[in-house]
C-alpha atoms as a PDB file:
ATOM      1  CA  MET A   1      -7.054 -30.679   5.374  1.00  0.00           C
ATOM      2  CA  ILE A   2      -9.219 -30.614   8.484  1.00  0.00           C
ATOM      3  CA  PHE A   3     -10.450 -34.216   8.732  1.00  0.00           C
ATOM      4  CA  ASP A   4     -12.428 -34.168  11.997  1.00  0.00           C
ATOM      5  CA  PHE A   5     -13.912 -30.712  11.608  1.00  0.00           C
ATOM      6  CA  PRO A   6     -17.145 -31.573   9.717  1.00  0.00           C
ATOM      7  CA  GLU A   7     -18.231 -34.209  12.240  1.00  0.00           C
ATOM      8  CA  ARG A   8     -17.319 -32.163  15.296  1.00  0.00           C
ATOM      9  CA  PHE A   9     -18.902 -29.049  13.867  1.00  0.00           C
ATOM     10  CA  ARG A  10     -22.166 -30.888  13.128  1.00  0.00           C
ATOM     11  CA  TYR A  11     -22.191 -32.488  16.580  1.00  0.00           C
ATOM     12  CA  LEU A  12     -21.708 -29.145  18.334  1.00  0.00           C
ATOM     13  CA  TRP A  13     -24.377 -27.145  16.566  1.00  0.00           C
ATOM     14  CA  GLN A  14     -26.927 -29.958  16.571  1.00  0.00           C
ATOM     15  CA  SER A  15     -26.344 -30.620  20.281  1.00  0.00           C
ATOM     16  CA  LYS A  16     -27.322 -26.984  20.905  1.00  0.00           C
ATOM     17  CA  ASN A  17     -30.544 -27.466  18.875  1.00  0.00           C
ATOM     18  CA  LEU A  18     -29.629 -24.648  16.521  1.00  0.00           C
ATOM     19  CA  ALA A  19     -31.004 -24.300  13.028  1.00  0.00           C
ATOM     20  CA  GLN A  20     -28.457 -23.733  10.262  1.00  0.00           C
ATOM     21  CA  ASN A  21     -29.631 -20.144   9.780  1.00  0.00           C
ATOM     22  CA  GLN A  22     -29.246 -19.433  13.515  1.00  0.00           C
ATOM     23  CA  LEU A  23     -25.728 -20.829  13.545  1.00  0.00           C
ATOM     24  CA  ALA A  24     -24.835 -18.939  10.377  1.00  0.00           C
ATOM     25  CA  SER A  25     -25.950 -15.707  12.024  1.00  0.00           C
ATOM     26  CA  LEU A  26     -23.932 -16.434  15.170  1.00  0.00           C
ATOM     27  CA  ILE A  27     -20.682 -17.017  13.290  1.00  0.00           C
ATOM     28  CA  GLY A  28     -21.246 -14.478  10.525  1.00  0.00           C
ATOM     29  CA  VAL A  29     -21.529 -16.678   7.432  1.00  0.00           C
ATOM     30  CA  ASP A  30     -24.269 -17.609   4.958  1.00  0.00           C
ATOM     31  CA  ARG A  31     -26.510 -20.572   5.739  1.00  0.00           C
ATOM     32  CA  SER A  32     -25.167 -22.394   2.677  1.00  0.00           C
ATOM     33  CA  THR A  33     -21.675 -22.120   4.140  1.00  0.00           C
ATOM     34  CA  ILE A  34     -22.782 -24.242   7.098  1.00  0.00           C
ATOM     35  CA  SER A  35     -23.744 -27.042   4.687  1.00  0.00           C
ATOM     36  CA  SER A  36     -20.421 -26.647   2.881  1.00  0.00           C
ATOM     37  CA  TYR A  37     -18.528 -27.064   6.148  1.00  0.00           C
ATOM     38  CA  GLU A  38     -20.549 -30.159   7.073  1.00  0.00           C
ATOM     39  CA  SER A  39     -19.964 -31.842   3.733  1.00  0.00           C
ATOM     40  CA  ASN A  40     -16.263 -30.863   3.741  1.00  0.00           C
ATOM     41  CA  ILE A  41     -16.663 -28.901   0.515  1.00  0.00           C
ATOM     42  CA  ARG A  42     -15.292 -25.787   2.206  1.00  0.00           C
ATOM     43  CA  GLN A  43     -13.163 -25.179   5.263  1.00  0.00           C
ATOM     44  CA  PRO A  44     -13.535 -22.191   7.551  1.00  0.00           C
ATOM     45  CA  SER A  45     -10.996 -19.398   7.565  1.00  0.00           C
ATOM     46  CA  LEU A  46      -8.929 -19.021  10.722  1.00  0.00           C
ATOM     47  CA  ASP A  47     -11.109 -16.091  11.763  1.00  0.00           C
ATOM     48  CA  THR A  48     -14.293 -18.115  11.282  1.00  0.00           C
ATOM     49  CA  LEU A  49     -12.776 -21.122  13.039  1.00  0.00           C
ATOM     50  CA  SER A  50     -12.036 -18.889  16.036  1.00  0.00           C
ATOM     51  CA  ARG A  51     -15.616 -17.562  16.037  1.00  0.00           C
ATOM     52  CA  ILE A  52     -16.984 -21.114  15.924  1.00  0.00           C
ATOM     53  CA  ALA A  53     -14.776 -22.072  18.877  1.00  0.00           C
ATOM     54  CA  ASP A  54     -15.987 -18.999  20.787  1.00  0.00           C
ATOM     55  CA  VAL A  55     -19.656 -19.689  20.052  1.00  0.00           C
ATOM     56  CA  PHE A  56     -19.408 -23.249  21.373  1.00  0.00           C
ATOM     57  CA  GLY A  57     -16.847 -22.622  24.109  1.00  0.00           C
ATOM     58  CA  VAL A  58     -14.375 -25.150  22.737  1.00  0.00           C
ATOM     59  CA  SER A  59     -10.796 -24.882  21.581  1.00  0.00           C
ATOM     60  CA  THR A  60      -9.781 -24.687  17.952  1.00  0.00           C
ATOM     61  CA  ASP A  61      -7.671 -27.772  18.686  1.00  0.00           C
ATOM     62  CA  TYR A  62     -10.885 -29.659  19.450  1.00  0.00           C
ATOM     63  CA  LEU A  63     -12.484 -28.462  16.212  1.00  0.00           C
ATOM     64  CA  LEU A  64      -9.401 -29.508  14.246  1.00  0.00           C
ATOM     65  CA  GLY A  65      -9.247 -32.943  15.861  1.00  0.00           C
ATOM     66  CA  ARG A  66      -5.976 -32.273  17.671  1.00  0.00           C
ATOM     67  CA  THR A  67      -7.597 -33.086  21.024  1.00  0.00           C
ATOM     68  CA  ASP A  68     -10.720 -34.855  22.176  1.00  0.00           C
ATOM     69  CA  SER A  69     -11.117 -32.523  25.124  1.00  0.00           C
ATOM     70  CA  LEU A  70     -13.957 -30.050  24.716  1.00  0.00           C
ATOM     71  CA  GLY A  71     -12.416 -27.536  27.074  1.00  0.00           C
ATOM     72  CA  PHE A  72      -9.351 -26.352  28.872  1.00  0.00           C
ATOM     73  CA  ASP A  73      -8.229 -28.607  31.755  1.00  0.00           C
ATOM     74  CA  PHE A  74      -6.920 -26.162  34.345  1.00  0.00           C
ATOM     75  CA  LEU A  75      -6.423 -28.965  36.863  1.00  0.00           C
ATOM     76  CA  ALA A  76      -3.889 -30.665  34.577  1.00  0.00           C
ATOM     77  CA  LEU A  77      -1.532 -27.693  34.863  1.00  0.00           C
ATOM     78  CA  ASN A  78       1.394 -27.749  37.262  1.00  0.00           C
ATOM     79  CA  GLY A  79       1.832 -25.069  39.926  1.00  0.00           C
ATOM     80  CA  GLU A  80       4.007 -22.792  37.804  1.00  0.00           C
ATOM     81  CA  GLU A  81       1.598 -22.986  34.867  1.00  0.00           C
ATOM     82  CA  LYS A  82      -1.379 -22.212  37.119  1.00  0.00           C
ATOM     83  CA  ALA A  83       0.463 -19.206  38.545  1.00  0.00           C
ATOM     84  CA  LEU A  84       1.061 -17.911  35.008  1.00  0.00           C
ATOM     85  CA  VAL A  85      -2.627 -18.308  34.144  1.00  0.00           C
ATOM     86  CA  TYR A  86      -3.628 -16.396  37.294  1.00  0.00           C
ATOM     87  CA  LYS A  87      -1.075 -13.680  36.515  1.00  0.00           C
ATOM     88  CA  LEU A  88      -2.385 -13.345  32.959  1.00  0.00           C
ATOM     89  CA  ALA A  89      -6.005 -13.257  34.129  1.00  0.00           C
ATOM     90  CA  PHE A  90      -5.175 -10.542  36.663  1.00  0.00           C
ATOM     91  CA  ALA A  91      -3.311  -8.475  34.056  1.00  0.00           C
ATOM     92  CA  LEU A  92      -6.218  -8.764  31.621  1.00  0.00           C
ATOM     93  CA  SER A  93      -8.765  -7.751  34.243  1.00  0.00           C
ATOM     94  CA  GLU A  94      -6.622  -4.727  35.146  1.00  0.00           C
ATOM     95  CA  LYS A  95      -6.401  -3.721  31.462  1.00  0.00           C
ATOM     96  CA  ASN A  96     -10.173  -4.150  31.084  1.00  0.00           C
ATOM     97  CA  LEU A  97     -10.728  -1.919  34.114  1.00  0.00           C
ATOM     98  CA  GLN A  98      -8.430   0.730  32.656  1.00  0.00           C
ATOM     99  CA  LEU A  99     -10.255   0.568  29.324  1.00  0.00           C
ATOM    100  CA  ARG A 100     -13.644   0.953  31.018  1.00  0.00           C
ATOM    101  CA  GLN A 101     -12.360   3.938  32.971  1.00  0.00           C
ATOM    102  CA  LEU A 102     -11.052   5.528  29.785  1.00  0.00           C
ATOM    103  CA  GLN A 103     -14.334   4.908  27.974  1.00  0.00           C
ATOM    104  CA  GLU A 104     -16.344   6.416  30.819  1.00  0.00           C
ATOM    105  CA  GLY A 105     -14.142   9.493  30.779  1.00  0.00           C
ATOM    106  CA  ILE A 106     -14.578  10.103  27.045  1.00  0.00           C
ATOM    107  CA  PRO A 107     -17.812  11.859  26.061  1.00  0.00           C
ATOM    108  CA  ASP A 108     -19.871  10.322  23.266  1.00  0.00           C
ATOM    109  CA  ALA A 109     -19.259  11.881  19.863  1.00  0.00           C
END
């Protein structure tokens, strides 16, 4: 059971001054589902939990109550860990560039 989720979820969407229908649209659920999450009647699927984290720029660990940190603390990493993050970011940007080049080279159907 996700004990901290309802409170954290409510805090996040209300702090952004979103209406329930706006939030529902952003994460791809019905408005009534938002109320169900808040009252702990329902819990989000893993896919929906990931979308909620993406919408608010927080980790799923924060939503689940596993951490109180709203974001990723890059400064807490050691040198080796930072180097791995940079390497991953570079590899992803290279892949994105390759994908864009492929898409530009393919005519629209």
